[in-house]
């Protein structure tokens, strides 16, 4: 487990999966670099250009209720966020389908009640995955999340569920998958 530090983008309102990756890009291959080009194009006009979000250098996203909801279970959302440099998303709640996709790809979606009230876009955050502590280094506020489950942390460190399974097979630890 580790500590991740970086700049945050705070969603101003409800962010739908359909806006994170707009429908015209759903047919693109599932590729983090390609999918990142148009991340958040439907959320803010400033991001509606190639690499508009990616070029900002964000590490975290902070949101409110039901982040990435209202859409189908398109994996482009998760791979696009990862390709854009996002290492974790904190929100009051998440859409169930995208929450599961995030785990499968190794992107932590972390529930943290009211974190959006204590962060502004551009703030510097530090997140200790083991303890669940999120510190806003810009304003001194501290938030407590549930620590990442060891299994989820292992999947993230392996680069996603497929990498995790490949790693267990290579180690001869297939029995550890049950």
Protein backbone atom coordinates (compact mmCIF):
# COMPACT_ATOMS: atom_id res chain seq x y z
CA UNK A 1 0.00 0.00 0.00
CA UNK A 2 1.16 3.49 -0.59
CA UNK A 3 0.52 7.18 -0.29
CA UNK A 4 -0.52 9.03 -3.43
CA UNK A 5 -0.24 12.79 -3.71
CA UNK A 6 -1.48 15.08 -6.46
CA UNK A 7 -3.83 17.69 -7.80
CA UNK A 8 -7.62 17.30 -7.62
CA UNK A 9 -10.44 18.18 -9.98
CA UNK A 10 -13.75 18.72 -8.21
CA UNK A 11 -16.94 18.00 -10.12
CA UNK A 12 -19.39 20.87 -9.75
CA UNK A 13 -22.44 18.61 -9.97
CA UNK A 14 -23.68 15.14 -10.90
CA UNK A 15 -21.35 13.52 -13.44
CA UNK A 16 -22.93 10.94 -15.73
CA UNK A 17 -21.01 8.18 -17.47
CA UNK A 18 -22.45 9.48 -20.76
CA UNK A 19 -20.67 12.80 -20.16
CA UNK A 20 -17.34 11.39 -19.02
CA UNK A 21 -16.95 9.68 -22.39
CA UNK A 22 -19.46 11.07 -24.85
CA UNK A 23 -21.35 8.57 -26.95
CA UNK A 24 -19.55 9.30 -30.20
CA UNK A 25 -16.36 7.81 -28.68
CA UNK A 26 -17.87 4.58 -27.32
CA UNK A 27 -16.87 2.73 -30.47
CA UNK A 28 -13.20 3.56 -30.01
CA UNK A 29 -11.01 0.65 -28.85
CA UNK A 30 -10.69 0.24 -25.09
CA UNK A 31 -7.32 1.94 -24.86
CA UNK A 32 -6.33 4.30 -22.01
CA UNK A 33 -4.42 6.71 -24.25
CA UNK A 34 -7.14 6.90 -26.87
CA UNK A 35 -10.01 7.03 -24.35
CA UNK A 36 -8.30 9.79 -22.33
CA UNK A 37 -8.36 12.19 -25.27
CA UNK A 38 -12.01 13.12 -24.71
CA UNK A 39 -12.49 12.45 -20.98
CA UNK A 40 -14.96 14.89 -19.42
CA UNK A 41 -15.78 16.43 -22.81
CA UNK A 42 -19.46 16.32 -21.91
CA UNK A 43 -18.98 17.67 -18.38
CA UNK A 44 -17.31 21.04 -18.95
CA UNK A 45 -16.91 23.01 -22.15
CA UNK A 46 -13.24 23.66 -21.31
CA UNK A 47 -12.62 19.90 -21.60
CA UNK A 48 -14.43 19.56 -24.94
CA UNK A 49 -11.23 19.45 -26.96
CA UNK A 50 -8.68 16.72 -27.50
CA UNK A 51 -6.82 16.10 -24.21
CA UNK A 52 -8.69 19.00 -22.60
CA UNK A 53 -8.94 17.18 -19.26
CA UNK A 54 -5.78 15.09 -19.55
CA UNK A 55 -3.57 18.14 -20.08
CA UNK A 56 -4.58 19.56 -16.68
CA UNK A 57 -2.46 17.03 -14.75
CA UNK A 58 -5.08 15.90 -12.26
CA UNK A 59 -4.37 12.89 -10.04
CA UNK A 60 -7.71 12.72 -8.23
CA UNK A 61 -11.36 13.45 -8.87
CA UNK A 62 -13.71 14.48 -6.08
CA UNK A 63 -17.43 14.25 -6.72
CA UNK A 64 -20.74 14.09 -4.91
CA UNK A 65 -23.55 11.57 -5.39
CA UNK A 66 -23.63 8.67 -7.89
CA UNK A 67 -20.44 9.48 -9.81
CA UNK A 68 -20.44 7.91 -13.31
CA UNK A 69 -24.09 6.90 -13.13
CA UNK A 70 -26.89 7.17 -15.60
CA UNK A 71 -25.27 5.17 -18.32
CA UNK A 72 -24.39 1.76 -19.53
CA UNK A 73 -21.44 -0.20 -18.27
CA UNK A 74 -18.94 1.11 -20.81
CA UNK A 75 -15.34 0.42 -19.85
CA UNK A 76 -14.15 3.44 -21.83
CA UNK A 77 -15.04 5.62 -18.82
CA UNK A 78 -12.59 3.86 -16.52
CA UNK A 79 -9.78 3.40 -19.04
CA UNK A 80 -10.19 7.03 -20.11
CA UNK A 81 -9.88 8.29 -16.53
CA UNK A 82 -6.80 6.13 -15.99
CA UNK A 83 -5.26 7.27 -19.26
CA UNK A 84 -5.84 10.86 -18.15
CA UNK A 85 -3.70 10.24 -15.06
CA UNK A 86 -6.44 9.73 -12.49
CA UNK A 87 -5.23 7.48 -9.66
CA UNK A 88 -8.40 7.54 -7.49
CA UNK A 89 -11.90 8.99 -7.40
CA UNK A 90 -13.53 10.06 -4.13
CA UNK A 91 -17.28 10.59 -3.97
CA UNK A 92 -20.31 10.34 -1.71
CA UNK A 93 -21.48 7.41 -3.85
CA UNK A 94 -20.86 5.70 -7.19
CA UNK A 95 -22.87 4.05 -9.91
CA UNK A 96 -22.67 0.33 -9.24
CA UNK A 97 -21.71 -0.66 -12.80
CA UNK A 98 -18.83 1.78 -13.03
CA UNK A 99 -17.73 0.96 -9.48
CA UNK A 100 -17.26 -2.65 -10.54
CA UNK A 101 -15.52 -1.64 -13.77
CA UNK A 102 -13.16 0.52 -11.73
CA UNK A 103 -12.20 -2.43 -9.52
CA UNK A 104 -11.74 -4.66 -12.58
CA UNK A 105 -9.30 -2.15 -14.07
CA UNK A 106 -7.56 -1.29 -10.79
CA UNK A 107 -8.80 2.30 -10.38
CA UNK A 108 -9.88 2.94 -6.78
CA UNK A 109 -13.37 4.42 -6.46
CA UNK A 110 -13.48 5.42 -2.79
CA UNK A 111 -16.57 6.45 -0.86
CA UNK A 112 -15.90 9.55 1.24
CA UNK A 113 -18.94 11.39 2.54
CA UNK A 114 -18.89 15.17 2.07
CA UNK A 115 -15.33 15.35 0.67
CA UNK A 116 -16.61 17.62 -2.12
CA UNK A 117 -17.44 20.26 0.52
CA UNK A 118 -13.80 20.43 1.61
CA UNK A 119 -11.96 20.51 -1.70
CA UNK A 120 -11.57 22.92 -4.60
CA UNK A 121 -10.23 22.21 -8.05
CA UNK A 122 -6.45 22.56 -8.00
CA UNK A 123 -6.04 21.64 -4.32
CA UNK A 124 -3.23 19.24 -3.50
CA UNK A 125 -4.37 16.00 -1.83
CA UNK A 126 -2.50 13.19 -0.14
CA UNK A 127 -4.20 9.81 0.21
CA UNK A 128 -2.90 7.01 2.40
CA UNK A 129 -4.47 3.88 0.92
CA UNK A 130 -3.72 1.75 3.99
CA UNK A 131 -5.29 4.05 6.57
CA UNK A 132 -7.92 5.65 4.33
CA UNK A 133 -6.84 9.14 5.37
CA UNK A 134 -7.20 11.88 2.74
CA UNK A 135 -5.44 15.13 3.59
CA UNK A 136 -6.11 18.34 1.70
CA UNK A 137 -2.64 19.87 1.80
CA UNK A 138 -3.99 23.16 0.44
CA UNK A 139 -6.47 23.91 3.22
CA UNK A 140 -5.58 21.49 6.03
CA UNK A 141 -8.85 19.53 6.03
CA UNK A 142 -8.65 15.80 6.65
CA UNK A 143 -11.17 13.18 5.57
CA UNK A 144 -11.46 9.55 6.59
CA UNK A 145 -12.41 6.89 4.09
CA UNK A 146 -12.61 3.17 4.57
CA UNK A 147 -9.13 1.79 3.86
CA UNK A 148 -8.79 -0.03 0.55
CA UNK A 149 -9.50 -3.74 0.97
CA UNK A 150 -6.33 -5.79 0.49
CA UNK A 151 -7.84 -7.61 -2.51
CA UNK A 152 -8.72 -4.33 -4.24
CA UNK A 153 -5.23 -2.98 -3.51
CA UNK A 154 -3.68 -6.13 -5.00
CA UNK A 155 -5.83 -5.82 -8.12
CA UNK A 156 -4.82 -2.14 -8.46
CA UNK A 157 -1.12 -2.94 -8.02
CA UNK A 158 -1.40 -5.68 -10.67
CA UNK A 159 -2.89 -3.21 -13.14
CA UNK A 160 -6.41 -4.61 -13.00
CA UNK A 161 -8.23 -7.89 -12.56
CA UNK A 162 -6.71 -9.57 -15.62
CA UNK A 163 -3.20 -8.63 -14.49
CA UNK A 164 -4.01 -9.93 -11.03
CA UNK A 165 -5.18 -13.29 -12.39
CA UNK A 166 -2.15 -13.55 -14.70
CA UNK A 167 0.14 -12.80 -11.74
CA UNK A 168 -1.48 -15.51 -9.58
CA UNK A 169 -1.19 -18.05 -12.40
CA UNK A 170 2.48 -17.15 -12.99
CA UNK A 171 3.16 -17.55 -9.26
CA UNK A 172 1.35 -20.94 -9.22
CA UNK A 173 -1.16 -19.52 -6.74
CA UNK A 174 -4.37 -20.23 -8.64
CA UNK A 175 -5.95 -21.48 -5.40
CA UNK A 176 -5.64 -17.93 -4.03
CA UNK A 177 -8.26 -16.80 -6.54
CA UNK A 178 -11.17 -18.50 -4.79
